[in-house]
């Protein structure tokens, strides 16, 4: 269930530091905090935004979560921001993330279709 969590722990110290335990010391805290653990209850349209080079949450976690939502047939979109880590730090890409959020919320909250402007 938390195979990506093991990979996270092995590659990065952040998860162990944050949860104050390893998966073999406290399996319950990893299961309690893992988004994939409750995937069977997922119904809300979900957009996953992820930095390709994220050192805190490996990209494999985003793909695992994406696959779980797909299997549940939950409307979703996965956006990978190339060259970025845990945060989007450049203005152009931040604007793109804002546009992606606006487009997603417009569709699933207000029932509107919004086209993202594209430079030519």
PDB file of N, CA and C in Angstrom:
ATOM      1  N   UNK A   1       0.833  -1.188   0.000  1.00  0.00           N
ATOM      2  CA  UNK A   1       0.000   0.000   0.000  1.00  0.00           C
ATOM      3  C   UNK A   1       0.872   1.243   0.000  1.00  0.00           C
ATOM      4  N   UNK A   2       1.945   1.268   0.740  1.00  0.00           N
ATOM      5  CA  UNK A   2       2.778   2.453   0.770  1.00  0.00           C
ATOM      6  C   UNK A   2       4.156   2.164   0.231  1.00  0.00           C
ATOM      7  N   UNK A   3       4.185   1.400  -0.883  1.00  0.00           N
ATOM      8  CA  UNK A   3       5.479   1.088  -1.485  1.00  0.00           C
ATOM      9  C   UNK A   3       6.210   2.361  -1.880  1.00  0.00           C
ATOM     10  N   UNK A   4       5.472   3.351  -2.395  1.00  0.00           N
ATOM     11  CA  UNK A   4       6.108   4.623  -2.731  1.00  0.00           C
ATOM     12  C   UNK A   4       6.606   5.296  -1.459  1.00  0.00           C
ATOM     13  N   UNK A   5       5.915   5.105  -0.333  1.00  0.00           N
ATOM     14  CA  UNK A   5       6.361   5.655   0.936  1.00  0.00           C
ATOM     15  C   UNK A   5       7.703   5.065   1.358  1.00  0.00           C
ATOM     16  N   UNK A   6       7.899   3.779   1.121  1.00  0.00           N
ATOM     17  CA  UNK A   6       9.189   3.175   1.422  1.00  0.00           C
ATOM     18  C   UNK A   6      10.271   3.798   0.558  1.00  0.00           C
ATOM     19  N   UNK A   7       9.981   3.972  -0.712  1.00  0.00           N
ATOM     20  CA  UNK A   7      10.941   4.600  -1.601  1.00  0.00           C
ATOM     21  C   UNK A   7      11.240   6.011  -1.121  1.00  0.00           C
ATOM     22  N   UNK A   8      10.217   6.750  -0.724  1.00  0.00           N
ATOM     23  CA  UNK A   8      10.399   8.092  -0.196  1.00  0.00           C
ATOM     24  C   UNK A   8      11.337   8.057   0.994  1.00  0.00           C
ATOM     25  N   UNK A   9      11.102   7.152   1.919  1.00  0.00           N
ATOM     26  CA  UNK A   9      11.925   7.087   3.117  1.00  0.00           C
ATOM     27  C   UNK A   9      13.362   6.729   2.773  1.00  0.00           C
ATOM     28  N   UNK A  10      13.525   5.766   1.873  1.00  0.00           N
ATOM     29  CA  UNK A  10      14.864   5.321   1.534  1.00  0.00           C
ATOM     30  C   UNK A  10      15.662   6.413   0.821  1.00  0.00           C
ATOM     31  N   UNK A  11      15.011   7.189  -0.039  1.00  0.00           N
ATOM     32  CA  UNK A  11      15.703   8.205  -0.814  1.00  0.00           C
ATOM     33  C   UNK A  11      15.822   9.531  -0.086  1.00  0.00           C
ATOM     34  N   UNK A  12      14.880   9.856   0.765  1.00  0.00           N
ATOM     35  CA  UNK A  12      14.824  11.170   1.392  1.00  0.00           C
ATOM     36  C   UNK A  12      14.626  11.030   2.897  1.00  0.00           C
ATOM     37  N   UNK A  13      15.270  11.872   3.662  1.00  0.00           N
ATOM     38  CA  UNK A  13      15.099  11.841   5.105  1.00  0.00           C
ATOM     39  C   UNK A  13      13.895  12.622   5.580  1.00  0.00           C
ATOM     40  N   UNK A  14      13.284  13.417   4.694  1.00  0.00           N
ATOM     41  CA  UNK A  14      12.188  14.293   5.101  1.00  0.00           C
ATOM     42  C   UNK A  14      11.021  13.524   5.708  1.00  0.00           C
ATOM     43  N   UNK A  15      10.595  12.460   5.065  1.00  0.00           N
ATOM     44  CA  UNK A  15       9.418  11.718   5.535  1.00  0.00           C
ATOM     45  C   UNK A  15       9.658  11.152   6.931  1.00  0.00           C
ATOM     46  N   UNK A  16      10.804  10.558   7.148  1.00  0.00           N
ATOM     47  CA  UNK A  16      11.111   9.998   8.468  1.00  0.00           C
ATOM     48  C   UNK A  16      11.178  11.101   9.518  1.00  0.00           C
ATOM     49  N   UNK A  17      11.794  12.222   9.165  1.00  0.00           N
ATOM     50  CA  UNK A  17      11.884  13.345  10.099  1.00  0.00           C
ATOM     51  C   UNK A  17      10.495  13.894  10.413  1.00  0.00           C
ATOM     52  N   UNK A  18       9.662  14.030   9.408  1.00  0.00           N
ATOM     53  CA  UNK A  18       8.321  14.590   9.585  1.00  0.00           C
ATOM     54  C   UNK A  18       7.419  13.656  10.395  1.00  0.00           C
ATOM     55  N   UNK A  19       7.448  12.371  10.079  1.00  0.00           N
ATOM     56  CA  UNK A  19       6.575  11.412  10.765  1.00  0.00           C
ATOM     57  C   UNK A  19       7.195  10.853  12.040  1.00  0.00           C
ATOM     58  N   UNK A  20       8.457  11.142  12.277  1.00  0.00           N
ATOM     59  CA  UNK A  20       9.170  10.757  13.504  1.00  0.00           C
ATOM     60  C   UNK A  20       9.307   9.244  13.678  1.00  0.00           C
ATOM     61  N   UNK A  21       9.282   8.521  12.551  1.00  0.00           N
ATOM     62  CA  UNK A  21       9.442   7.070  12.612  1.00  0.00           C
ATOM     63  C   UNK A  21       9.706   6.530  11.214  1.00  0.00           C
ATOM     64  N   UNK A  22      10.225   5.333  11.187  1.00  0.00           N
ATOM     65  CA  UNK A  22      10.366   4.613   9.921  1.00  0.00           C
ATOM     66  C   UNK A  22       9.100   3.781   9.708  1.00  0.00           C
ATOM     67  N   UNK A  23       8.858   3.307   8.491  1.00  0.00           N
ATOM     68  CA  UNK A  23       7.662   2.474   8.261  1.00  0.00           C
ATOM     69  C   UNK A  23       7.654   1.192   9.092  1.00  0.00           C
ATOM     70  N   UNK A  24       8.815   0.636   9.391  1.00  0.00           N
ATOM     71  CA  UNK A  24       8.851  -0.595  10.179  1.00  0.00           C
ATOM     72  C   UNK A  24       8.747  -0.332  11.676  1.00  0.00           C
ATOM     73  N   UNK A  25       8.964   0.911  12.099  1.00  0.00           N
ATOM     74  CA  UNK A  25       8.786   1.257  13.511  1.00  0.00           C
ATOM     75  C   UNK A  25       7.338   1.659  13.822  1.00  0.00           C
ATOM     76  N   UNK A  26       6.689   2.305  12.854  1.00  0.00           N
ATOM     77  CA  UNK A  26       5.317   2.776  13.080  1.00  0.00           C
ATOM     78  C   UNK A  26       4.538   2.734  11.768  1.00  0.00           C
ATOM     79  N   UNK A  27       4.143   1.548  11.388  1.00  0.00           N
ATOM     80  CA  UNK A  27       3.410   1.352  10.135  1.00  0.00           C
ATOM     81  C   UNK A  27       2.117   2.179  10.115  1.00  0.00           C
ATOM     82  N   UNK A  28       1.472   2.296  11.258  1.00  0.00           N
ATOM     83  CA  UNK A  28       0.177   2.988  11.341  1.00  0.00           C
ATOM     84  C   UNK A  28       0.267   4.455  10.930  1.00  0.00           C
ATOM     85  N   UNK A  29       1.336   5.150  11.307  1.00  0.00           N
ATOM     86  CA  UNK A  29       1.441   6.576  10.960  1.00  0.00           C
ATOM     87  C   UNK A  29       1.618   6.746   9.452  1.00  0.00           C
ATOM     88  N   UNK A  30       2.309   5.806   8.810  1.00  0.00           N
ATOM     89  CA  UNK A  30       2.459   5.872   7.358  1.00  0.00           C
ATOM     90  C   UNK A  30       1.132   5.589   6.664  1.00  0.00           C
ATOM     91  N   UNK A  31       0.388   4.628   7.161  1.00  0.00           N
ATOM     92  CA  UNK A  31      -0.920   4.326   6.581  1.00  0.00           C
ATOM     93  C   UNK A  31      -1.903   5.467   6.821  1.00  0.00           C
ATOM     94  N   UNK A  32      -1.855   6.069   7.999  1.00  0.00           N
ATOM     95  CA  UNK A  32      -2.769   7.162   8.345  1.00  0.00           C
ATOM     96  C   UNK A  32      -2.529   8.402   7.492  1.00  0.00           C
ATOM     97  N   UNK A  33      -1.277   8.679   7.144  1.00  0.00           N
ATOM     98  CA  UNK A  33      -0.952   9.904   6.411  1.00  0.00           C
ATOM     99  C   UNK A  33      -0.801   9.704   4.907  1.00  0.00           C
ATOM    100  N   UNK A  34      -0.943   8.499   4.445  1.00  0.00           N
ATOM    101  CA  UNK A  34      -0.777   8.219   3.016  1.00  0.00           C
ATOM    102  C   UNK A  34      -2.068   8.485   2.244  1.00  0.00           C
ATOM    103  N   UNK A  35      -2.022   9.333   1.217  1.00  0.00           N
ATOM    104  CA  UNK A  35      -3.234   9.590   0.430  1.00  0.00           C
ATOM    105  C   UNK A  35      -3.764   8.330  -0.258  1.00  0.00           C
ATOM    106  N   UNK A  36      -2.879   7.423  -0.606  1.00  0.00           N
ATOM    107  CA  UNK A  36      -3.307   6.219  -1.315  1.00  0.00           C
ATOM    108  C   UNK A  36      -4.092   5.275  -0.389  1.00  0.00           C
ATOM    109  N   UNK A  37      -3.909   5.410   0.928  1.00  0.00           N
ATOM    110  CA  UNK A  37      -4.590   4.532   1.876  1.00  0.00           C
ATOM    111  C   UNK A  37      -6.110   4.704   1.846  1.00  0.00           C
ATOM    112  N   UNK A  38      -6.588   5.880   1.467  1.00  0.00           N
ATOM    113  CA  UNK A  38      -8.035   6.137   1.445  1.00  0.00           C
ATOM    114  C   UNK A  38      -8.573   6.278   0.022  1.00  0.00           C
ATOM    115  N   UNK A  39      -7.840   5.783  -0.953  1.00  0.00           N
ATOM    116  CA  UNK A  39      -8.223   5.970  -2.358  1.00  0.00           C
ATOM    117  C   UNK A  39      -9.586   5.351  -2.676  1.00  0.00           C
ATOM    118  N   UNK A  40      -9.985   4.317  -1.960  1.00  0.00           N
ATOM    119  CA  UNK A  40     -11.293   3.688  -2.218  1.00  0.00           C
ATOM    120  C   UNK A  40     -12.460   4.609  -1.914  1.00  0.00           C
ATOM    121  N   UNK A  41     -12.245   5.662  -1.147  1.00  0.00           N
ATOM    122  CA  UNK A  41     -13.307   6.615  -0.830  1.00  0.00           C
ATOM    123  C   UNK A  41     -13.297   7.822  -1.765  1.00  0.00           C
ATOM    124  N   UNK A  42     -12.342   7.885  -2.673  1.00  0.00           N
ATOM    125  CA  UNK A  42     -12.179   9.058  -3.538  1.00  0.00           C
ATOM    126  C   UNK A  42     -13.302   9.186  -4.559  1.00  0.00           C
ATOM    127  N   UNK A  43     -13.899  10.374  -4.625  1.00  0.00           N
ATOM    128  CA  UNK A  43     -14.923  10.672  -5.630  1.00  0.00           C
ATOM    129  C   UNK A  43     -14.773  12.077  -6.209  1.00  0.00           C
ATOM    130  N   UNK A  44     -14.046  12.948  -5.536  1.00  0.00           N
ATOM    131  CA  UNK A  44     -13.925  14.345  -5.932  1.00  0.00           C
ATOM    132  C   UNK A  44     -12.978  14.500  -7.113  1.00  0.00           C
ATOM    133  N   UNK A  45     -13.383  15.213  -8.174  1.00  0.00           N
ATOM    134  CA  UNK A  45     -12.451  15.488  -9.275  1.00  0.00           C
ATOM    135  C   UNK A  45     -11.161  16.092  -8.713  1.00  0.00           C
ATOM    136  N   UNK A  46     -10.043  15.567  -9.166  1.00  0.00           N
ATOM    137  CA  UNK A  46      -8.760  15.925  -8.557  1.00  0.00           C
ATOM    138  C   UNK A  46      -7.723  16.278  -9.610  1.00  0.00           C
ATOM    139  N   UNK A  47      -7.034  17.368  -9.352  1.00  0.00           N
ATOM    140  CA  UNK A  47      -5.898  17.767 -10.178  1.00  0.00           C
ATOM    141  C   UNK A  47      -4.638  17.606  -9.333  1.00  0.00           C
ATOM    142  N   UNK A  48      -3.677  16.864  -9.846  1.00  0.00           N
ATOM    143  CA  UNK A  48      -2.405  16.664  -9.165  1.00  0.00           C
ATOM    144  C   UNK A  48      -1.366  17.501  -9.890  1.00  0.00           C
ATOM    145  N   UNK A  49      -0.704  18.392  -9.156  1.00  0.00           N
ATOM    146  CA  UNK A  49       0.371  19.211  -9.707  1.00  0.00           C
ATOM    147  C   UNK A  49       1.651  18.803  -8.999  1.00  0.00           C
ATOM    148  N   UNK A  50       2.694  18.519  -9.772  1.00  0.00           N
ATOM    149  CA  UNK A  50       3.889  17.966  -9.162  1.00  0.00           C
ATOM    150  C   UNK A  50       5.136  18.455  -9.876  1.00  0.00           C
ATOM    151  N   UNK A  51       6.142  18.806  -9.091  1.00  0.00           N
ATOM    152  CA  UNK A  51       7.442  19.143  -9.651  1.00  0.00           C
ATOM    153  C   UNK A  51       8.188  17.879 -10.028  1.00  0.00           C
ATOM    154  N   UNK A  52       8.723  17.870 -11.222  1.00  0.00           N
ATOM    155  CA  UNK A  52       9.430  16.702 -11.732  1.00  0.00           C
ATOM    156  C   UNK A  52      10.603  16.288 -10.834  1.00  0.00           C
ATOM    157  N   UNK A  53      11.260  17.256 -10.210  1.00  0.00           N
ATOM    158  CA  UNK A  53      12.466  16.998  -9.418  1.00  0.00           C
ATOM    159  C   UNK A  53      12.223  17.123  -7.915  1.00  0.00           C
ATOM    160  N   UNK A  54      10.996  16.946  -7.482  1.00  0.00           N
ATOM    161  CA  UNK A  54      10.643  17.119  -6.071  1.00  0.00           C
ATOM    162  C   UNK A  54      11.456  16.174  -5.188  1.00  0.00           C
ATOM    163  N   UNK A  55      12.200  16.744  -4.248  1.00  0.00           N
ATOM    164  CA  UNK A  55      13.021  15.946  -3.346  1.00  0.00           C
ATOM    165  C   UNK A  55      12.245  15.474  -2.114  1.00  0.00           C
ATOM    166  N   UNK A  56      11.125  16.125  -1.795  1.00  0.00           N
ATOM    167  CA  UNK A  56      10.328  15.722  -0.635  1.00  0.00           C
ATOM    168  C   UNK A  56       9.338  14.631  -0.981  1.00  0.00           C
ATOM    169  N   UNK A  57       8.689  14.780  -2.117  1.00  0.00           N
ATOM    170  CA  UNK A  57       7.679  13.808  -2.548  1.00  0.00           C
ATOM    171  C   UNK A  57       8.075  13.335  -3.946  1.00  0.00           C
ATOM    172  N   UNK A  58       8.628  12.140  -4.062  1.00  0.00           N
ATOM    173  CA  UNK A  58       9.085  11.662  -5.363  1.00  0.00           C
ATOM    174  C   UNK A  58       7.951  11.607  -6.388  1.00  0.00           C
ATOM    175  N   UNK A  59       8.304  11.820  -7.640  1.00  0.00           N
ATOM    176  CA  UNK A  59       7.330  11.827  -8.738  1.00  0.00           C
ATOM    177  C   UNK A  59       6.576  10.495  -8.804  1.00  0.00           C
ATOM    178  N   UNK A  60       7.197   9.418  -8.352  1.00  0.00           N
ATOM    179  CA  UNK A  60       6.521   8.116  -8.355  1.00  0.00           C
ATOM    180  C   UNK A  60       5.266   8.144  -7.480  1.00  0.00           C
ATOM    181  N   UNK A  61       5.267   8.937  -6.417  1.00  0.00           N
ATOM    182  CA  UNK A  61       4.079   9.059  -5.570  1.00  0.00           C
ATOM    183  C   UNK A  61       2.927   9.685  -6.341  1.00  0.00           C
ATOM    184  N   UNK A  62       3.228  10.704  -7.153  1.00  0.00           N
ATOM    185  CA  UNK A  62       2.185  11.347  -7.965  1.00  0.00           C
ATOM    186  C   UNK A  62       1.607  10.361  -8.971  1.00  0.00           C
ATOM    187  N   UNK A  63       2.467   9.565  -9.589  1.00  0.00           N
ATOM    188  CA  UNK A  63       1.992   8.574 -10.567  1.00  0.00           C
ATOM    189  C   UNK A  63       1.160   7.489  -9.898  1.00  0.00           C
ATOM    190  N   UNK A  64       1.561   7.074  -8.701  1.00  0.00           N
ATOM    191  CA  UNK A  64       0.797   6.063  -7.963  1.00  0.00           C
ATOM    192  C   UNK A  64      -0.592   6.596  -7.607  1.00  0.00           C
ATOM    193  N   UNK A  65      -0.645   7.824  -7.125  1.00  0.00           N
ATOM    194  CA  UNK A  65      -1.918   8.436  -6.783  1.00  0.00           C
ATOM    195  C   UNK A  65      -2.786   8.614  -8.031  1.00  0.00           C
ATOM    196  N   UNK A  66      -2.178   9.057  -9.113  1.00  0.00           N
ATOM    197  CA  UNK A  66      -2.887   9.221 -10.385  1.00  0.00           C
ATOM    198  C   UNK A  66      -3.527   7.898 -10.811  1.00  0.00           C
ATOM    199  N   UNK A  67      -2.760   6.824 -10.744  1.00  0.00           N
ATOM    200  CA  UNK A  67      -3.279   5.512 -11.140  1.00  0.00           C
ATOM    201  C   UNK A  67      -4.438   5.077 -10.242  1.00  0.00           C
ATOM    202  N   UNK A  68      -4.330   5.373  -8.941  1.00  0.00           N
ATOM    203  CA  UNK A  68      -5.417   5.037  -8.016  1.00  0.00           C
ATOM    204  C   UNK A  68      -6.706   5.764  -8.374  1.00  0.00           C
ATOM    205  N   UNK A  69      -6.593   7.068  -8.689  1.00  0.00           N
ATOM    206  CA  UNK A  69      -7.783   7.826  -9.103  1.00  0.00           C
ATOM    207  C   UNK A  69      -8.327   7.295 -10.428  1.00  0.00           C
ATOM    208  N   UNK A  70      -7.436   6.941 -11.348  1.00  0.00           N
ATOM    209  CA  UNK A  70      -7.885   6.367 -12.627  1.00  0.00           C
ATOM    210  C   UNK A  70      -8.687   5.095 -12.390  1.00  0.00           C
ATOM    211  N   UNK A  71      -8.158   4.223 -11.544  1.00  0.00           N
ATOM    212  CA  UNK A  71      -8.842   2.959 -11.261  1.00  0.00           C
ATOM    213  C   UNK A  71     -10.216   3.197 -10.638  1.00  0.00           C
ATOM    214  N   UNK A  72     -10.351   4.271  -9.876  1.00  0.00           N
ATOM    215  CA  UNK A  72     -11.628   4.619  -9.244  1.00  0.00           C
ATOM    216  C   UNK A  72     -12.540   5.385 -10.200  1.00  0.00           C
ATOM    217  N   UNK A  73     -12.028   5.703 -11.392  1.00  0.00           N
ATOM    218  CA  UNK A  73     -12.771   6.462 -12.403  1.00  0.00           C
ATOM    219  C   UNK A  73     -13.163   7.861 -11.909  1.00  0.00           C
ATOM    220  N   UNK A  74     -12.278   8.449 -11.122  1.00  0.00           N
ATOM    221  CA  UNK A  74     -12.459   9.810 -10.633  1.00  0.00           C
ATOM    222  C   UNK A  74     -11.889  10.756 -11.688  1.00  0.00           C
ATOM    223  N   UNK A  75     -12.632  11.804 -12.068  1.00  0.00           N
ATOM    224  CA  UNK A  75     -12.075  12.768 -13.021  1.00  0.00           C
ATOM    225  C   UNK A  75     -10.772  13.355 -12.460  1.00  0.00           C
ATOM    226  N   UNK A  76      -9.728  13.340 -13.268  1.00  0.00           N
ATOM    227  CA  UNK A  76      -8.462  13.846 -12.768  1.00  0.00           C
ATOM    228  C   UNK A  76      -7.560  14.327 -13.885  1.00  0.00           C
ATOM    229  N   UNK A  77      -6.564  15.076 -13.456  1.00  0.00           N
ATOM    230  CA  UNK A  77      -5.531  15.561 -14.362  1.00  0.00           C
ATOM    231  C   UNK A  77      -4.228  15.606 -13.577  1.00  0.00           C
ATOM    232  N   UNK A  78      -3.162  15.139 -14.214  1.00  0.00           N
ATOM    233  CA  UNK A  78      -1.827  15.186 -13.626  1.00  0.00           C
ATOM    234  C   UNK A  78      -0.993  16.160 -14.451  1.00  0.00           C
ATOM    235  N   UNK A  79      -0.436  17.161 -13.772  1.00  0.00           N
ATOM    236  CA  UNK A  79       0.432  18.132 -14.434  1.00  0.00           C
ATOM    237  C   UNK A  79       1.803  18.035 -13.782  1.00  0.00           C
ATOM    238  N   UNK A  80       2.801  17.760 -14.596  1.00  0.00           N
ATOM    239  CA  UNK A  80       4.184  17.678 -14.121  1.00  0.00           C
ATOM    240  C   UNK A  80       4.894  18.946 -14.589  1.00  0.00           C
ATOM    241  N   UNK A  81       5.469  19.674 -13.634  1.00  0.00           N
ATOM    242  CA  UNK A  81       6.229  20.880 -13.954  1.00  0.00           C
ATOM    243  C   UNK A  81       7.698  20.490 -14.095  1.00  0.00           C
ATOM    244  N   UNK A  82       8.158  20.444 -15.341  1.00  0.00           N
ATOM    245  CA  UNK A  82       9.511  20.003 -15.667  1.00  0.00           C
ATOM    246  C   UNK A  82      10.559  20.947 -15.086  1.00  0.00           C
ATOM    247  N   UNK A  83      11.581  20.360 -14.480  1.00  0.00           N
ATOM    248  CA  UNK A  83      12.692  21.133 -13.955  1.00  0.00           C
ATOM    249  C   UNK A  83      12.457  21.751 -12.586  1.00  0.00           C
ATOM    250  N   UNK A  84      11.326  21.457 -11.964  1.00  0.00           N
ATOM    251  CA  UNK A  84      11.014  22.044 -10.654  1.00  0.00           C
ATOM    252  C   UNK A  84      10.972  20.975  -9.580  1.00  0.00           C
ATOM    253  N   UNK A  85      11.213  21.421  -8.347  1.00  0.00           N
ATOM    254  CA  UNK A  85      11.149  20.541  -7.189  1.00  0.00           C
ATOM    255  C   UNK A  85       9.813  20.673  -6.494  1.00  0.00           C
ATOM    256  N   UNK A  86       9.854  20.842  -5.179  1.00  0.00           N
ATOM    257  CA  UNK A  86       8.635  20.889  -4.370  1.00  0.00           C
ATOM    258  C   UNK A  86       7.838  22.174  -4.582  1.00  0.00           C
ATOM    259  N   UNK A  87       8.484  23.216  -5.021  1.00  0.00           N
ATOM    260  CA  UNK A  87       7.790  24.479  -5.274  1.00  0.00           C
ATOM    261  C   UNK A  87       8.038  24.975  -6.689  1.00  0.00           C
ATOM    262  N   UNK A  88       7.083  25.727  -7.200  1.00  0.00           N
ATOM    263  CA  UNK A  88       7.237  26.347  -8.515  1.00  0.00           C
ATOM    264  C   UNK A  88       7.803  27.741  -8.248  1.00  0.00           C
ATOM    265  N   UNK A  89       9.031  27.990  -8.685  1.00  0.00           N
ATOM    266  CA  UNK A  89       9.741  29.190  -8.256  1.00  0.00           C
ATOM    267  C   UNK A  89       9.949  30.247  -9.333  1.00  0.00           C
ATOM    268  N   UNK A  90       9.601  29.955 -10.570  1.00  0.00           N
ATOM    269  CA  UNK A  90       9.789  30.938 -11.643  1.00  0.00           C
ATOM    270  C   UNK A  90       8.445  31.543 -12.024  1.00  0.00           C
ATOM    271  N   UNK A  91       8.420  32.848 -12.296  1.00  0.00           N
ATOM    272  CA  UNK A  91       7.147  33.545 -12.547  1.00  0.00           C
ATOM    273  C   UNK A  91       6.301  32.941 -13.668  1.00  0.00           C
ATOM    274  N   UNK A  92       6.895  32.604 -14.788  1.00  0.00           N
ATOM    275  CA  UNK A  92       6.121  32.072 -15.916  1.00  0.00           C
ATOM    276  C   UNK A  92       5.433  30.749 -15.549  1.00  0.00           C
ATOM    277  N   UNK A  93       6.157  29.889 -14.853  1.00  0.00           N
ATOM    278  CA  UNK A  93       5.588  28.602 -14.458  1.00  0.00           C
ATOM    279  C   UNK A  93       4.577  28.758 -13.328  1.00  0.00           C
ATOM    280  N   UNK A  94       4.803  29.733 -12.440  1.00  0.00           N
ATOM    281  CA  UNK A  94       3.796  30.014 -11.399  1.00  0.00           C
ATOM    282  C   UNK A  94       2.490  30.463 -12.034  1.00  0.00           C
ATOM    283  N   UNK A  95       2.607  31.319 -13.044  1.00  0.00           N
ATOM    284  CA  UNK A  95       1.420  31.773 -13.761  1.00  0.00           C
ATOM    285  C   UNK A  95       0.720  30.589 -14.422  1.00  0.00           C
ATOM    286  N   UNK A  96       1.497  29.680 -15.006  1.00  0.00           N
ATOM    287  CA  UNK A  96       0.906  28.485 -15.619  1.00  0.00           C
ATOM    288  C   UNK A  96       0.140  27.664 -14.580  1.00  0.00           C
ATOM    289  N   UNK A  97       0.719  27.514 -13.387  1.00  0.00           N
ATOM    290  CA  UNK A  97       0.034  26.760 -12.326  1.00  0.00           C
ATOM    291  C   UNK A  97      -1.266  27.444 -11.926  1.00  0.00           C
ATOM    292  N   UNK A  98      -1.242  28.764 -11.852  1.00  0.00           N
ATOM    293  CA  UNK A  98      -2.460  29.516 -11.522  1.00  0.00           C
ATOM    294  C   UNK A  98      -3.514  29.302 -12.600  1.00  0.00           C
ATOM    295  N   UNK A  99      -3.091  29.371 -13.863  1.00  0.00           N
ATOM    296  CA  UNK A  99      -4.034  29.131 -14.961  1.00  0.00           C
ATOM    297  C   UNK A  99      -4.602  27.720 -14.891  1.00  0.00           C
ATOM    298  N   UNK A 100      -3.748  26.735 -14.619  1.00  0.00           N
ATOM    299  CA  UNK A 100      -4.235  25.354 -14.513  1.00  0.00           C
ATOM    300  C   UNK A 100      -5.274  25.222 -13.401  1.00  0.00           C
ATOM    301  N   UNK A 101      -5.015  25.869 -12.263  1.00  0.00           N
ATOM    302  CA  UNK A 101      -5.977  25.837 -11.151  1.00  0.00           C
ATOM    303  C   UNK A 101      -7.284  26.519 -11.534  1.00  0.00           C
ATOM    304  N   UNK A 102      -7.182  27.685 -12.153  1.00  0.00           N
ATOM    305  CA  UNK A 102      -8.365  28.425 -12.552  1.00  0.00           C
ATOM    306  C   UNK A 102      -9.208  27.603 -13.530  1.00  0.00           C
ATOM    307  N   UNK A 103      -8.549  26.996 -14.498  1.00  0.00           N
ATOM    308  CA  UNK A 103      -9.257  26.171 -15.476  1.00  0.00           C
ATOM    309  C   UNK A 103      -9.956  24.990 -14.789  1.00  0.00           C
ATOM    310  N   UNK A 104      -9.262  24.352 -13.875  1.00  0.00           N
ATOM    311  CA  UNK A 104      -9.828  23.192 -13.175  1.00  0.00           C
ATOM    312  C   UNK A 104     -11.023  23.582 -12.309  1.00  0.00           C
ATOM    313  N   UNK A 105     -10.845  24.638 -11.503  1.00  0.00           N
ATOM    314  CA  UNK A 105     -11.931  25.084 -10.634  1.00  0.00           C
ATOM    315  C   UNK A 105     -13.124  25.569 -11.445  1.00  0.00           C
ATOM    316  N   UNK A 106     -12.871  26.277 -12.529  1.00  0.00           N
ATOM    317  CA  UNK A 106     -13.962  26.764 -13.371  1.00  0.00           C
ATOM    318  C   UNK A 106     -14.807  25.593 -13.868  1.00  0.00           C
ATOM    319  N   UNK A 107     -14.156  24.544 -14.283  1.00  0.00           N
ATOM    320  CA  UNK A 107     -14.878  23.382 -14.811  1.00  0.00           C
ATOM    321  C   UNK A 107     -15.662  22.649 -13.724  1.00  0.00           C
ATOM    322  N   UNK A 108     -15.008  22.370 -12.597  1.00  0.00           N
ATOM    323  CA  UNK A 108     -15.631  21.496 -11.601  1.00  0.00           C
ATOM    324  C   UNK A 108     -16.380  22.216 -10.491  1.00  0.00           C
ATOM    325  N   UNK A 109     -16.242  23.517 -10.392  1.00  0.00           N
ATOM    326  CA  UNK A 109     -17.002  24.267  -9.387  1.00  0.00           C
ATOM    327  C   UNK A 109     -18.070  25.124 -10.052  1.00  0.00           C
ATOM    328  N   UNK A 110     -17.671  25.848 -11.105  1.00  0.00           N
ATOM    329  CA  UNK A 110     -18.601  26.780 -11.735  1.00  0.00           C
ATOM    330  C   UNK A 110     -19.210  26.253 -13.035  1.00  0.00           C
ATOM    331  N   UNK A 111     -18.771  25.079 -13.505  1.00  0.00           N
ATOM    332  CA  UNK A 111     -19.329  24.502 -14.721  1.00  0.00           C
ATOM    333  C   UNK A 111     -18.985  25.275 -15.988  1.00  0.00           C
ATOM    334  N   UNK A 112     -17.848  25.936 -16.001  1.00  0.00           N
ATOM    335  CA  UNK A 112     -17.422  26.732 -17.154  1.00  0.00           C
ATOM    336  C   UNK A 112     -16.178  26.107 -17.785  1.00  0.00           C
ATOM    337  N   UNK A 113     -16.067  26.248 -19.081  1.00  0.00           N
ATOM    338  CA  UNK A 113     -14.850  25.818 -19.792  1.00  0.00           C
ATOM    339  C   UNK A 113     -13.994  27.045 -20.054  1.00  0.00           C
ATOM    340  N   UNK A 114     -12.765  27.024 -19.592  1.00  0.00           N
ATOM    341  CA  UNK A 114     -11.843  28.152 -19.764  1.00  0.00           C
ATOM    342  C   UNK A 114     -10.654  27.663 -20.588  1.00  0.00           C
ATOM    343  N   UNK A 115     -10.287  28.427 -21.581  1.00  0.00           N
ATOM    344  CA  UNK A 115      -9.136  28.106 -22.383  1.00  0.00           C
ATOM    345  C   UNK A 115      -7.934  28.881 -21.863  1.00  0.00           C
ATOM    346  N   UNK A 116      -6.849  28.187 -21.672  1.00  0.00           N
ATOM    347  CA  UNK A 116      -5.626  28.818 -21.199  1.00  0.00           C
ATOM    348  C   UNK A 116      -4.969  29.544 -22.388  1.00  0.00           C
ATOM    349  N   UNK A 117      -4.611  30.822 -22.213  1.00  0.00           N
ATOM    350  CA  UNK A 117      -3.956  31.549 -23.298  1.00  0.00           C
ATOM    351  C   UNK A 117      -2.607  30.930 -23.630  1.00  0.00           C
ATOM    352  N   UNK A 118      -2.295  30.887 -24.909  1.00  0.00           N
ATOM    353  CA  UNK A 118      -1.043  30.306 -25.364  1.00  0.00           C
ATOM    354  C   UNK A 118      -0.268  31.343 -26.151  1.00  0.00           C
ATOM    355  N   UNK A 119       1.035  31.475 -25.837  1.00  0.00           N
ATOM    356  CA  UNK A 119       1.876  32.404 -26.602  1.00  0.00           C
ATOM    357  C   UNK A 119       2.136  31.816 -27.976  1.00  0.00           C
ATOM    358  N   UNK A 120       2.196  32.704 -28.963  1.00  0.00           N
ATOM    359  CA  UNK A 120       2.515  32.229 -30.329  1.00  0.00           C
ATOM    360  C   UNK A 120       3.815  32.789 -30.793  1.00  0.00           C
TER     361      UNK A 120
END
